[in-house]
Amino acid sequence: MASRALFNSQLIQITKRPGVRYTSQFVAQREAVKHHAAESAETWKKICIFVCIPTLLASGVNAYNLMKAHEKHQAEHPHEWVQYPYMNMRGKDYFWGKNSLFFNPKVNHPVEE
C-alpha cells in the first residue's frame, strides 16, 4: 500500500511541469459537479421559500376556516346519540371509572348506568 502511494506521488511529480497548474480530468469533472450542485441547491432553496411555505400557509388557513365552519354547523345541528346494545359493553369498570382512557365528552357518548 505504501509503495503504491509512493509510486503515485512520484508519477504525479514526473507528469507535472514546473510553473504549470496541474488539473486532471477528474478534478475538472468534480469542479463541474460542485458548480452544478450549488446551482441546484439554490434552485431548491428558492422553491422551498417561494412555493412550499406559502402553500403550507394557505393550506393551514383553509383547514382553519373549514374547521370553524364545521364547528358552526355542529352547533346548529347537534348529533343525536343512539344507544345500541353493542356500544360501551364492559364486563367490569376500569379502575379510573366507566369511560375509556380516550373518552372525549364532545365526540363520545358517555356510558349510562
PDB file of N, CA and C in Angstrom:
ATOM      1  N   MET A   1       0.828  -1.186   0.000  1.00  0.00           N
ATOM      2  CA  MET A   1       0.000   0.000   0.000  1.00  0.00           C
ATOM      3  C   MET A   1       0.872   1.249   0.000  1.00  0.00           C
ATOM      4  N   ALA A   2       1.883   1.226   0.856  1.00  0.00           N
ATOM      5  CA  ALA A   2       2.773   2.383   0.946  1.00  0.00           C
ATOM      6  C   ALA A   2       3.557   2.549  -0.348  1.00  0.00           C
ATOM      7  N   SER A   3       3.921   1.422  -0.986  1.00  0.00           N
ATOM      8  CA  SER A   3       4.691   1.517  -2.226  1.00  0.00           C
ATOM      9  C   SER A   3       3.827   2.104  -3.344  1.00  0.00           C
ATOM     10  N   ARG A   4       2.525   1.774  -3.346  1.00  0.00           N
ATOM     11  CA  ARG A   4       1.637   2.316  -4.369  1.00  0.00           C
ATOM     12  C   ARG A   4       1.457   3.821  -4.184  1.00  0.00           C
ATOM     13  N   ALA A   5       1.302   4.261  -2.936  1.00  0.00           N
ATOM     14  CA  ALA A   5       1.181   5.695  -2.675  1.00  0.00           C
ATOM     15  C   ALA A   5       2.456   6.419  -3.082  1.00  0.00           C
ATOM     16  N   LEU A   6       3.590   5.816  -2.789  1.00  0.00           N
ATOM     17  CA  LEU A   6       4.864   6.420  -3.175  1.00  0.00           C
ATOM     18  C   LEU A   6       4.986   6.488  -4.687  1.00  0.00           C
ATOM     19  N   PHE A   7       4.596   5.414  -5.387  1.00  0.00           N
ATOM     20  CA  PHE A   7       4.666   5.382  -6.843  1.00  0.00           C
ATOM     21  C   PHE A   7       3.737   6.436  -7.451  1.00  0.00           C
ATOM     22  N   ASN A   8       2.500   6.551  -6.914  1.00  0.00           N
ATOM     23  CA  ASN A   8       1.555   7.547  -7.437  1.00  0.00           C
ATOM     24  C   ASN A   8       2.075   8.964  -7.239  1.00  0.00           C
ATOM     25  N   SER A   9       2.640   9.227  -6.062  1.00  0.00           N
ATOM     26  CA  SER A   9       3.173  10.571  -5.829  1.00  0.00           C
ATOM     27  C   SER A   9       4.352  10.858  -6.761  1.00  0.00           C
ATOM     28  N   GLN A  10       5.200   9.842  -7.028  1.00  0.00           N
ATOM     29  CA  GLN A  10       6.320  10.033  -7.951  1.00  0.00           C
ATOM     30  C   GLN A  10       5.821  10.231  -9.376  1.00  0.00           C
ATOM     31  N   LEU A  11       4.744   9.515  -9.755  1.00  0.00           N
ATOM     32  CA  LEU A  11       4.178   9.652 -11.084  1.00  0.00           C
ATOM     33  C   LEU A  11       3.620  11.054 -11.283  1.00  0.00           C
ATOM     34  N   ILE A  12       2.961  11.582 -10.259  1.00  0.00           N
ATOM     35  CA  ILE A  12       2.421  12.935 -10.347  1.00  0.00           C
ATOM     36  C   ILE A  12       3.564  13.944 -10.449  1.00  0.00           C
ATOM     37  N   GLN A  13       4.628  13.702  -9.706  1.00  0.00           N
ATOM     38  CA  GLN A  13       5.779  14.610  -9.759  1.00  0.00           C
ATOM     39  C   GLN A  13       6.390  14.628 -11.169  1.00  0.00           C
ATOM     40  N   ILE A  14       6.409  13.463 -11.815  1.00  0.00           N
ATOM     41  CA  ILE A  14       7.005  13.372 -13.152  1.00  0.00           C
ATOM     42  C   ILE A  14       6.120  14.085 -14.171  1.00  0.00           C
ATOM     43  N   THR A  15       4.799  13.890 -14.070  1.00  0.00           N
ATOM     44  CA  THR A  15       3.899  14.449 -15.080  1.00  0.00           C
ATOM     45  C   THR A  15       3.696  15.947 -14.911  1.00  0.00           C
ATOM     46  N   LYS A  16       3.941  16.488 -13.725  1.00  0.00           N
ATOM     47  CA  LYS A  16       3.777  17.925 -13.514  1.00  0.00           C
ATOM     48  C   LYS A  16       4.953  18.672 -14.135  1.00  0.00           C
ATOM     49  N   ARG A  17       4.636  19.791 -14.736  1.00  0.00           N
ATOM     50  CA  ARG A  17       5.684  20.653 -15.244  1.00  0.00           C
ATOM     51  C   ARG A  17       5.805  21.832 -14.305  1.00  0.00           C
ATOM     52  N   PRO A  18       6.981  22.293 -14.039  1.00  0.00           N
ATOM     53  CA  PRO A  18       7.148  23.414 -13.114  1.00  0.00           C
ATOM     54  C   PRO A  18       6.460  24.667 -13.653  1.00  0.00           C
ATOM     55  N   GLY A  19       5.742  25.340 -12.777  1.00  0.00           N
ATOM     56  CA  GLY A  19       5.086  26.591 -13.133  1.00  0.00           C
ATOM     57  C   GLY A  19       3.739  26.424 -13.817  1.00  0.00           C
ATOM     58  N   VAL A  20       3.319  25.186 -14.096  1.00  0.00           N
ATOM     59  CA  VAL A  20       2.035  24.939 -14.744  1.00  0.00           C
ATOM     60  C   VAL A  20       1.105  24.294 -13.719  1.00  0.00           C
ATOM     61  N   ARG A  21      -0.072  24.868 -13.590  1.00  0.00           N
ATOM     62  CA  ARG A  21      -1.018  24.294 -12.625  1.00  0.00           C
ATOM     63  C   ARG A  21      -1.547  22.977 -13.176  1.00  0.00           C
ATOM     64  N   TYR A  22      -1.469  21.964 -12.339  1.00  0.00           N
ATOM     65  CA  TYR A  22      -1.846  20.628 -12.754  1.00  0.00           C
ATOM     66  C   TYR A  22      -3.335  20.417 -12.476  1.00  0.00           C
ATOM     67  N   THR A  23      -4.109  20.138 -13.500  1.00  0.00           N
ATOM     68  CA  THR A  23      -5.521  19.768 -13.328  1.00  0.00           C
ATOM     69  C   THR A  23      -5.785  18.535 -14.177  1.00  0.00           C
ATOM     70  N   SER A  24      -6.358  17.566 -13.553  1.00  0.00           N
ATOM     71  CA  SER A  24      -6.680  16.358 -14.285  1.00  0.00           C
ATOM     72  C   SER A  24      -8.136  16.416 -14.735  1.00  0.00           C
ATOM     73  N   GLN A  25      -8.517  15.470 -15.528  1.00  0.00           N
ATOM     74  CA  GLN A  25      -9.897  15.395 -15.991  1.00  0.00           C
ATOM     75  C   GLN A  25     -10.826  15.135 -14.800  1.00  0.00           C
ATOM     76  N   PHE A  26     -10.372  14.356 -13.848  1.00  0.00           N
ATOM     77  CA  PHE A  26     -11.181  14.059 -12.658  1.00  0.00           C
ATOM     78  C   PHE A  26     -11.449  15.320 -11.842  1.00  0.00           C
ATOM     79  N   VAL A  27     -10.415  16.132 -11.641  1.00  0.00           N
ATOM     80  CA  VAL A  27     -10.566  17.361 -10.874  1.00  0.00           C
ATOM     81  C   VAL A  27     -11.519  18.309 -11.593  1.00  0.00           C
ATOM     82  N   ALA A  28     -11.401  18.410 -12.899  1.00  0.00           N
ATOM     83  CA  ALA A  28     -12.290  19.276 -13.671  1.00  0.00           C
ATOM     84  C   ALA A  28     -13.733  18.794 -13.572  1.00  0.00           C
ATOM     85  N   GLN A  29     -13.920  17.480 -13.625  1.00  0.00           N
ATOM     86  CA  GLN A  29     -15.270  16.923 -13.504  1.00  0.00           C
ATOM     87  C   GLN A  29     -15.845  17.193 -12.114  1.00  0.00           C
ATOM     88  N   ARG A  30     -15.033  17.046 -11.084  1.00  0.00           N
ATOM     89  CA  ARG A  30     -15.507  17.315  -9.718  1.00  0.00           C
ATOM     90  C   ARG A  30     -15.892  18.783  -9.551  1.00  0.00           C
ATOM     91  N   GLU A  31     -15.134  19.679 -10.135  1.00  0.00           N
ATOM     92  CA  GLU A  31     -15.468  21.104 -10.066  1.00  0.00           C
ATOM     93  C   GLU A  31     -16.785  21.395 -10.786  1.00  0.00           C
ATOM     94  N   ALA A  32     -16.998  20.741 -11.917  1.00  0.00           N
ATOM     95  CA  ALA A  32     -18.259  20.925 -12.654  1.00  0.00           C
ATOM     96  C   ALA A  32     -19.440  20.401 -11.832  1.00  0.00           C
ATOM     97  N   VAL A  33     -19.248  19.280 -11.160  1.00  0.00           N
ATOM     98  CA  VAL A  33     -20.303  18.723 -10.321  1.00  0.00           C
ATOM     99  C   VAL A  33     -20.597  19.654  -9.149  1.00  0.00           C
ATOM    100  N   LYS A  34     -19.559  20.215  -8.531  1.00  0.00           N
ATOM    101  CA  LYS A  34     -19.755  21.168  -7.431  1.00  0.00           C
ATOM    102  C   LYS A  34     -20.528  22.391  -7.893  1.00  0.00           C
ATOM    103  N   HIS A  35     -20.182  22.893  -9.055  1.00  0.00           N
ATOM    104  CA  HIS A  35     -20.863  24.079  -9.593  1.00  0.00           C
ATOM    105  C   HIS A  35     -22.342  23.764  -9.867  1.00  0.00           C
ATOM    106  N   HIS A  36     -22.594  22.610 -10.469  1.00  0.00           N
ATOM    107  CA  HIS A  36     -23.969  22.208 -10.760  1.00  0.00           C
ATOM    108  C   HIS A  36     -24.755  21.994  -9.463  1.00  0.00           C
ATOM    109  N   ALA A  37     -24.136  21.389  -8.468  1.00  0.00           N
ATOM    110  CA  ALA A  37     -24.806  21.151  -7.187  1.00  0.00           C
ATOM    111  C   ALA A  37     -25.153  22.463  -6.497  1.00  0.00           C
ATOM    112  N   ALA A  38     -24.270  23.437  -6.588  1.00  0.00           N
ATOM    113  CA  ALA A  38     -24.549  24.741  -5.976  1.00  0.00           C
ATOM    114  C   ALA A  38     -25.742  25.406  -6.652  1.00  0.00           C
ATOM    115  N   GLU A  39     -25.812  25.331  -7.980  1.00  0.00           N
ATOM    116  CA  GLU A  39     -26.957  25.900  -8.706  1.00  0.00           C
ATOM    117  C   GLU A  39     -28.246  25.175  -8.346  1.00  0.00           C
ATOM    118  N   SER A  40     -28.191  23.847  -8.285  1.00  0.00           N
ATOM    119  CA  SER A  40     -29.387  23.065  -7.947  1.00  0.00           C
ATOM    120  C   SER A  40     -29.852  23.349  -6.530  1.00  0.00           C
ATOM    121  N   ALA A  41     -28.916  23.464  -5.615  1.00  0.00           N
ATOM    122  CA  ALA A  41     -29.289  23.757  -4.226  1.00  0.00           C
ATOM    123  C   ALA A  41     -29.952  25.123  -4.130  1.00  0.00           C
ATOM    124  N   GLU A  42     -29.446  26.085  -4.860  1.00  0.00           N
ATOM    125  CA  GLU A  42     -30.048  27.422  -4.853  1.00  0.00           C
ATOM    126  C   GLU A  42     -31.459  27.389  -5.436  1.00  0.00           C
ATOM    127  N   THR A  43     -31.647  26.608  -6.491  1.00  0.00           N
ATOM    128  CA  THR A  43     -32.979  26.472  -7.094  1.00  0.00           C
ATOM    129  C   THR A  43     -33.964  25.881  -6.093  1.00  0.00           C
ATOM    130  N   TRP A  44     -33.576  24.804  -5.416  1.00  0.00           N
ATOM    131  CA  TRP A  44     -34.475  24.154  -4.461  1.00  0.00           C
ATOM    132  C   TRP A  44     -34.720  25.034  -3.247  1.00  0.00           C
ATOM    133  N   LYS A  45     -33.747  25.832  -2.870  1.00  0.00           N
ATOM    134  CA  LYS A  45     -33.940  26.766  -1.764  1.00  0.00           C
ATOM    135  C   LYS A  45     -35.008  27.788  -2.132  1.00  0.00           C
ATOM    136  N   LYS A  46     -34.939  28.310  -3.351  1.00  0.00           N
ATOM    137  CA  LYS A  46     -35.946  29.270  -3.805  1.00  0.00           C
ATOM    138  C   LYS A  46     -37.325  28.623  -3.900  1.00  0.00           C
ATOM    139  N   ILE A  47     -37.385  27.379  -4.386  1.00  0.00           N
ATOM    140  CA  ILE A  47     -38.666  26.676  -4.464  1.00  0.00           C
ATOM    141  C   ILE A  47     -39.266  26.514  -3.080  1.00  0.00           C
ATOM    142  N   CYS A  48     -38.454  26.124  -2.116  1.00  0.00           N
ATOM    143  CA  CYS A  48     -38.963  25.940  -0.742  1.00  0.00           C
ATOM    144  C   CYS A  48     -39.463  27.253  -0.158  1.00  0.00           C
ATOM    145  N   ILE A  49     -38.733  28.331  -0.370  1.00  0.00           N
ATOM    146  CA  ILE A  49     -39.106  29.609   0.235  1.00  0.00           C
ATOM    147  C   ILE A  49     -40.317  30.218  -0.455  1.00  0.00           C
ATOM    148  N   PHE A  50     -40.340  30.208  -1.781  1.00  0.00           N
ATOM    149  CA  PHE A  50     -41.375  30.935  -2.516  1.00  0.00           C
ATOM    150  C   PHE A  50     -42.565  30.086  -2.953  1.00  0.00           C
ATOM    151  N   VAL A  51     -42.479  28.768  -2.836  1.00  0.00           N
ATOM    152  CA  VAL A  51     -43.597  27.907  -3.230  1.00  0.00           C
ATOM    153  C   VAL A  51     -44.128  27.118  -2.038  1.00  0.00           C
ATOM    154  N   CYS A  52     -43.262  26.380  -1.363  1.00  0.00           N
ATOM    155  CA  CYS A  52     -43.720  25.470  -0.308  1.00  0.00           C
ATOM    156  C   CYS A  52     -44.285  26.212   0.894  1.00  0.00           C
ATOM    157  N   ILE A  53     -43.588  27.215   1.382  1.00  0.00           N
ATOM    158  CA  ILE A  53     -44.043  27.921   2.584  1.00  0.00           C
ATOM    159  C   ILE A  53     -45.370  28.633   2.337  1.00  0.00           C
ATOM    160  N   PRO A  54     -45.559  29.379   1.239  1.00  0.00           N
ATOM    161  CA  PRO A  54     -46.886  29.974   1.012  1.00  0.00           C
ATOM    162  C   PRO A  54     -47.985  28.931   0.825  1.00  0.00           C
ATOM    163  N   THR A  55     -47.660  27.807   0.193  1.00  0.00           N
ATOM    164  CA  THR A  55     -48.650  26.746   0.013  1.00  0.00           C
ATOM    165  C   THR A  55     -49.062  26.171   1.362  1.00  0.00           C
ATOM    166  N   LEU A  56     -48.107  25.945   2.248  1.00  0.00           N
ATOM    167  CA  LEU A  56     -48.433  25.433   3.579  1.00  0.00           C
ATOM    168  C   LEU A  56     -49.261  26.437   4.373  1.00  0.00           C
ATOM    169  N   LEU A  57     -48.933  27.701   4.271  1.00  0.00           N
ATOM    170  CA  LEU A  57     -49.716  28.728   4.968  1.00  0.00           C
ATOM    171  C   LEU A  57     -51.146  28.786   4.429  1.00  0.00           C
ATOM    172  N   ALA A  58     -51.300  28.749   3.114  1.00  0.00           N
ATOM    173  CA  ALA A  58     -52.642  28.766   2.523  1.00  0.00           C
ATOM    174  C   ALA A  58     -53.435  27.524   2.921  1.00  0.00           C
ATOM    175  N   SER A  59     -52.784  26.374   2.963  1.00  0.00           N
ATOM    176  CA  SER A  59     -53.467  25.143   3.377  1.00  0.00           C
ATOM    177  C   SER A  59     -53.891  25.225   4.838  1.00  0.00           C
ATOM    178  N   GLY A  60     -53.054  25.804   5.679  1.00  0.00           N
ATOM    179  CA  GLY A  60     -53.396  25.964   7.089  1.00  0.00           C
ATOM    180  C   GLY A  60     -54.581  26.889   7.284  1.00  0.00           C
ATOM    181  N   VAL A  61     -54.615  27.999   6.544  1.00  0.00           N
ATOM    182  CA  VAL A  61     -55.749  28.928   6.637  1.00  0.00           C
ATOM    183  C   VAL A  61     -57.020  28.247   6.152  1.00  0.00           C
ATOM    184  N   ASN A  62     -56.938  27.488   5.068  1.00  0.00           N
ATOM    185  CA  ASN A  62     -58.097  26.770   4.549  1.00  0.00           C
ATOM    186  C   ASN A  62     -58.595  25.740   5.565  1.00  0.00           C
ATOM    187  N   ALA A  63     -57.710  24.990   6.178  1.00  0.00           N
ATOM    188  CA  ALA A  63     -58.111  23.994   7.170  1.00  0.00           C
ATOM    189  C   ALA A  63     -58.767  24.664   8.379  1.00  0.00           C
ATOM    190  N   TYR A  64     -58.231  25.794   8.806  1.00  0.00           N
ATOM    191  CA  TYR A  64     -58.809  26.524   9.932  1.00  0.00           C
ATOM    192  C   TYR A  64     -60.223  27.003   9.601  1.00  0.00           C
ATOM    193  N   ASN A  65     -60.414  27.563   8.401  1.00  0.00           N
ATOM    194  CA  ASN A  65     -61.739  28.025   8.002  1.00  0.00           C
ATOM    195  C   ASN A  65     -62.732  26.873   7.904  1.00  0.00           C
ATOM    196  N   LEU A  66     -62.299  25.727   7.374  1.00  0.00           N
ATOM    197  CA  LEU A  66     -63.175  24.561   7.306  1.00  0.00           C
ATOM    198  C   LEU A  66     -63.542  24.059   8.699  1.00  0.00           C
ATOM    199  N   MET A  67     -62.579  24.071   9.618  1.00  0.00           N
ATOM    200  CA  MET A  67     -62.860  23.624  10.982  1.00  0.00           C
ATOM    201  C   MET A  67     -63.887  24.535  11.645  1.00  0.00           C
ATOM    202  N   LYS A  68     -63.737  25.852  11.475  1.00  0.00           N
ATOM    203  CA  LYS A  68     -64.693  26.797  12.065  1.00  0.00           C
ATOM    204  C   LYS A  68     -66.090  26.609  11.471  1.00  0.00           C
ATOM    205  N   ALA A  69     -66.177  26.395  10.159  1.00  0.00           N
ATOM    206  CA  ALA A  69     -67.478  26.162   9.529  1.00  0.00           C
ATOM    207  C   ALA A  69     -68.102  24.869  10.045  1.00  0.00           C
ATOM    208  N   HIS A  70     -67.294  23.837  10.244  1.00  0.00           N
ATOM    209  CA  HIS A  70     -67.794  22.563  10.759  1.00  0.00           C
ATOM    210  C   HIS A  70     -68.283  22.718  12.202  1.00  0.00           C
ATOM    211  N   GLU A  71     -67.543  23.457  13.023  1.00  0.00           N
ATOM    212  CA  GLU A  71     -67.982  23.687  14.402  1.00  0.00           C
ATOM    213  C   GLU A  71     -69.300  24.463  14.436  1.00  0.00           C
ATOM    214  N   LYS A  72     -69.439  25.438  13.559  1.00  0.00           N
ATOM    215  CA  LYS A  72     -70.680  26.212  13.494  1.00  0.00           C
ATOM    216  C   LYS A  72     -71.843  25.303  13.086  1.00  0.00           C
ATOM    217  N   HIS A  73     -71.624  24.441  12.105  1.00  0.00           N
ATOM    218  CA  HIS A  73     -72.662  23.507  11.666  1.00  0.00           C
ATOM    219  C   HIS A  73     -73.026  22.530  12.786  1.00  0.00           C
ATOM    220  N   GLN A  74     -72.030  22.042  13.514  1.00  0.00           N
ATOM    221  CA  GLN A  74     -72.294  21.119  14.613  1.00  0.00           C
ATOM    222  C   GLN A  74     -73.084  21.799  15.727  1.00  0.00           C
ATOM    223  N   ALA A  75     -72.834  23.107  15.949  1.00  0.00           N
ATOM    224  CA  ALA A  75     -73.575  23.833  16.985  1.00  0.00           C
ATOM    225  C   ALA A  75     -75.035  24.015  16.564  1.00  0.00           C
ATOM    226  N   GLU A  76     -75.281  24.229  15.279  1.00  0.00           N
ATOM    227  CA  GLU A  76     -76.649  24.398  14.798  1.00  0.00           C
ATOM    228  C   GLU A  76     -77.415  23.080  14.744  1.00  0.00           C
ATOM    229  N   HIS A  77     -76.728  21.999  14.401  1.00  0.00           N
ATOM    230  CA  HIS A  77     -77.363  20.684  14.267  1.00  0.00           C
ATOM    231  C   HIS A  77     -76.597  19.665  15.115  1.00  0.00           C
ATOM    232  N   PRO A  78     -76.883  19.624  16.408  1.00  0.00           N
ATOM    233  CA  PRO A  78     -76.131  18.680  17.251  1.00  0.00           C
ATOM    234  C   PRO A  78     -76.462  17.229  16.905  1.00  0.00           C
ATOM    235  N   HIS A  79     -75.497  16.387  17.166  1.00  0.00           N
ATOM    236  CA  HIS A  79     -75.638  14.958  16.869  1.00  0.00           C
ATOM    237  C   HIS A  79     -76.519  14.304  17.924  1.00  0.00           C
ATOM    238  N   GLU A  80     -77.461  13.508  17.483  1.00  0.00           N
ATOM    239  CA  GLU A  80     -78.315  12.772  18.417  1.00  0.00           C
ATOM    240  C   GLU A  80     -77.731  11.370  18.600  1.00  0.00           C
ATOM    241  N   TRP A  81     -77.463  11.022  19.843  1.00  0.00           N
ATOM    242  CA  TRP A  81     -76.857   9.743  20.135  1.00  0.00           C
ATOM    243  C   TRP A  81     -77.914   8.652  20.140  1.00  0.00           C
ATOM    244  N   VAL A  82     -77.570   7.525  19.569  1.00  0.00           N
ATOM    245  CA  VAL A  82     -78.419   6.337  19.612  1.00  0.00           C
ATOM    246  C   VAL A  82     -77.645   5.296  20.401  1.00  0.00           C
ATOM    247  N   GLN A  83     -78.270   4.787  21.456  1.00  0.00           N
ATOM    248  CA  GLN A  83     -77.598   3.796  22.294  1.00  0.00           C
ATOM    249  C   GLN A  83     -77.883   2.399  21.747  1.00  0.00           C
ATOM    250  N   TYR A  84     -76.924   1.850  21.020  1.00  0.00           N
ATOM    251  CA  TYR A  84     -77.056   0.496  20.501  1.00  0.00           C
ATOM    252  C   TYR A  84     -76.576  -0.479  21.575  1.00  0.00           C
ATOM    253  N   PRO A  85     -77.087  -1.721  21.567  1.00  0.00           N
ATOM    254  CA  PRO A  85     -76.718  -2.657  22.640  1.00  0.00           C
ATOM    255  C   PRO A  85     -75.240  -3.066  22.632  1.00  0.00           C
ATOM    256  N   TYR A  86     -74.589  -2.952  21.504  1.00  0.00           N
ATOM    257  CA  TYR A  86     -73.178  -3.360  21.431  1.00  0.00           C
ATOM    258  C   TYR A  86     -72.205  -2.245  21.801  1.00  0.00           C
ATOM    259  N   MET A  87     -72.714  -1.030  22.048  1.00  0.00           N
ATOM    260  CA  MET A  87     -71.832   0.082  22.402  1.00  0.00           C
ATOM    261  C   MET A  87     -71.547   0.091  23.898  1.00  0.00           C
ATOM    262  N   ASN A  88     -70.322   0.393  24.261  1.00  0.00           N
ATOM    263  CA  ASN A  88     -69.879   0.513  25.654  1.00  0.00           C
ATOM    264  C   ASN A  88     -70.142  -0.750  26.466  1.00  0.00           C
ATOM    265  N   MET A  89     -69.916  -1.899  25.874  1.00  0.00           N
ATOM    266  CA  MET A  89     -70.069  -3.158  26.610  1.00  0.00           C
ATOM    267  C   MET A  89     -68.832  -3.347  27.485  1.00  0.00           C
ATOM    268  N   ARG A  90     -69.054  -3.550  28.773  1.00  0.00           N
ATOM    269  CA  ARG A  90     -67.947  -3.748  29.712  1.00  0.00           C
ATOM    270  C   ARG A  90     -68.292  -4.917  30.633  1.00  0.00           C
ATOM    271  N   GLY A  91     -67.334  -5.759  30.866  1.00  0.00           N
ATOM    272  CA  GLY A  91     -67.519  -6.806  31.862  1.00  0.00           C
ATOM    273  C   GLY A  91     -67.444  -6.220  33.261  1.00  0.00           C
ATOM    274  N   LYS A  92     -66.541  -5.297  33.440  1.00  0.00           N
ATOM    275  CA  LYS A  92     -66.413  -4.548  34.686  1.00  0.00           C
ATOM    276  C   LYS A  92     -65.815  -3.189  34.359  1.00  0.00           C
ATOM    277  N   ASP A  93     -65.979  -2.242  35.252  1.00  0.00           N
ATOM    278  CA  ASP A  93     -65.494  -0.888  35.008  1.00  0.00           C
ATOM    279  C   ASP A  93     -63.968  -0.841  35.078  1.00  0.00           C
ATOM    280  N   TYR A  94     -63.413   0.168  34.417  1.00  0.00           N
ATOM    281  CA  TYR A  94     -61.984   0.410  34.548  1.00  0.00           C
ATOM    282  C   TYR A  94     -61.710   0.936  35.956  1.00  0.00           C
ATOM    283  N   PHE A  95     -60.481   0.866  36.393  1.00  0.00           N
ATOM    284  CA  PHE A  95     -60.193   1.334  37.749  1.00  0.00           C
ATOM    285  C   PHE A  95     -60.267   2.844  37.866  1.00  0.00           C
ATOM    286  N   TRP A  96     -60.295   3.598  36.733  1.00  0.00           N
ATOM    287  CA  TRP A  96     -60.444   5.047  36.798  1.00  0.00           C
ATOM    288  C   TRP A  96     -61.882   5.501  36.547  1.00  0.00           C
ATOM    289  N   GLY A  97     -62.768   4.600  36.208  1.00  0.00           N
ATOM    290  CA  GLY A  97     -64.173   4.949  36.008  1.00  0.00           C
ATOM    291  C   GLY A  97     -64.798   4.119  34.900  1.00  0.00           C
ATOM    292  N   LYS A  98     -65.968   4.554  34.460  1.00  0.00           N
ATOM    293  CA  LYS A  98     -66.703   3.794  33.458  1.00  0.00           C
ATOM    294  C   LYS A  98     -66.217   4.031  32.032  1.00  0.00           C
ATOM    295  N   ASN A  99     -65.701   5.214  31.736  1.00  0.00           N
ATOM    296  CA  ASN A  99     -65.306   5.554  30.371  1.00  0.00           C
ATOM    297  C   ASN A  99     -63.878   5.111  30.081  1.00  0.00           C
ATOM    298  N   SER A 100     -63.600   4.947  28.782  1.00  0.00           N
ATOM    299  CA  SER A 100     -62.267   4.502  28.383  1.00  0.00           C
ATOM    300  C   SER A 100     -61.238   5.612  28.623  1.00  0.00           C
ATOM    301  N   LEU A 101     -59.994   5.259  28.457  1.00  0.00           N
ATOM    302  CA  LEU A 101     -58.909   6.204  28.678  1.00  0.00           C
ATOM    303  C   LEU A 101     -58.942   7.336  27.654  1.00  0.00           C
ATOM    304  N   PHE A 102     -59.491   7.084  26.478  1.00  0.00           N
ATOM    305  CA  PHE A 102     -59.519   8.066  25.398  1.00  0.00           C
ATOM    306  C   PHE A 102     -60.880   8.729  25.269  1.00  0.00           C
ATOM    307  N   PHE A 103     -61.670   8.756  26.314  1.00  0.00           N
ATOM    308  CA  PHE A 103     -63.009   9.337  26.283  1.00  0.00           C
ATOM    309  C   PHE A 103     -62.938  10.852  26.133  1.00  0.00           C
ATOM    310  N   ASN A 104     -63.745  11.378  25.204  1.00  0.00           N
ATOM    311  CA  ASN A 104     -63.855  12.810  24.976  1.00  0.00           C
ATOM    312  C   ASN A 104     -65.346  13.145  24.966  1.00  0.00           C
ATOM    313  N   PRO A 105     -65.833  13.932  25.922  1.00  0.00           N
ATOM    314  CA  PRO A 105     -67.270  14.175  26.003  1.00  0.00           C
ATOM    315  C   PRO A 105     -67.842  14.937  24.808  1.00  0.00           C
ATOM    316  N   LYS A 106     -66.999  15.608  24.029  1.00  0.00           N
ATOM    317  CA  LYS A 106     -67.509  16.319  22.847  1.00  0.00           C
ATOM    318  C   LYS A 106     -67.842  15.360  21.708  1.00  0.00           C
ATOM    319  N   VAL A 107     -67.164  14.257  21.610  1.00  0.00           N
ATOM    320  CA  VAL A 107     -67.360  13.362  20.470  1.00  0.00           C
ATOM    321  C   VAL A 107     -67.822  11.964  20.870  1.00  0.00           C
ATOM    322  N   ASN A 108     -67.669  11.577  22.129  1.00  0.00           N
ATOM    323  CA  ASN A 108     -68.073  10.237  22.550  1.00  0.00           C
ATOM    324  C   ASN A 108     -69.307  10.303  23.431  1.00  0.00           C
ATOM    325  N   HIS A 109     -70.126   9.248  23.342  1.00  0.00           N
ATOM    326  CA  HIS A 109     -71.323   9.159  24.158  1.00  0.00           C
ATOM    327  C   HIS A 109     -70.920   8.552  25.506  1.00  0.00           C
ATOM    328  N   PRO A 110     -71.322   9.193  26.627  1.00  0.00           N
ATOM    329  CA  PRO A 110     -70.926   8.652  27.921  1.00  0.00           C
ATOM    330  C   PRO A 110     -71.669   7.356  28.248  1.00  0.00           C
ATOM    331  N   VAL A 111     -71.028   6.531  29.053  1.00  0.00           N
ATOM    332  CA  VAL A 111     -71.636   5.271  29.468  1.00  0.00           C
ATOM    333  C   VAL A 111     -72.745   5.581  30.452  1.00  0.00           C
ATOM    334  N   GLU A 112     -73.923   5.013  30.189  1.00  0.00           N
ATOM    335  CA  GLU A 112     -75.055   5.235  31.092  1.00  0.00           C
ATOM    336  C   GLU A 112     -75.102   4.125  32.125  1.00  0.00           C
ATOM    337  N   GLU A 113     -75.676   4.441  33.249  1.00  0.00           N
ATOM    338  CA  GLU A 113     -75.777   3.462  34.339  1.00  0.00           C
ATOM    339  C   GLU A 113     -76.742   2.365  33.985  1.00  0.00           C
TER     340      GLU A 113
END
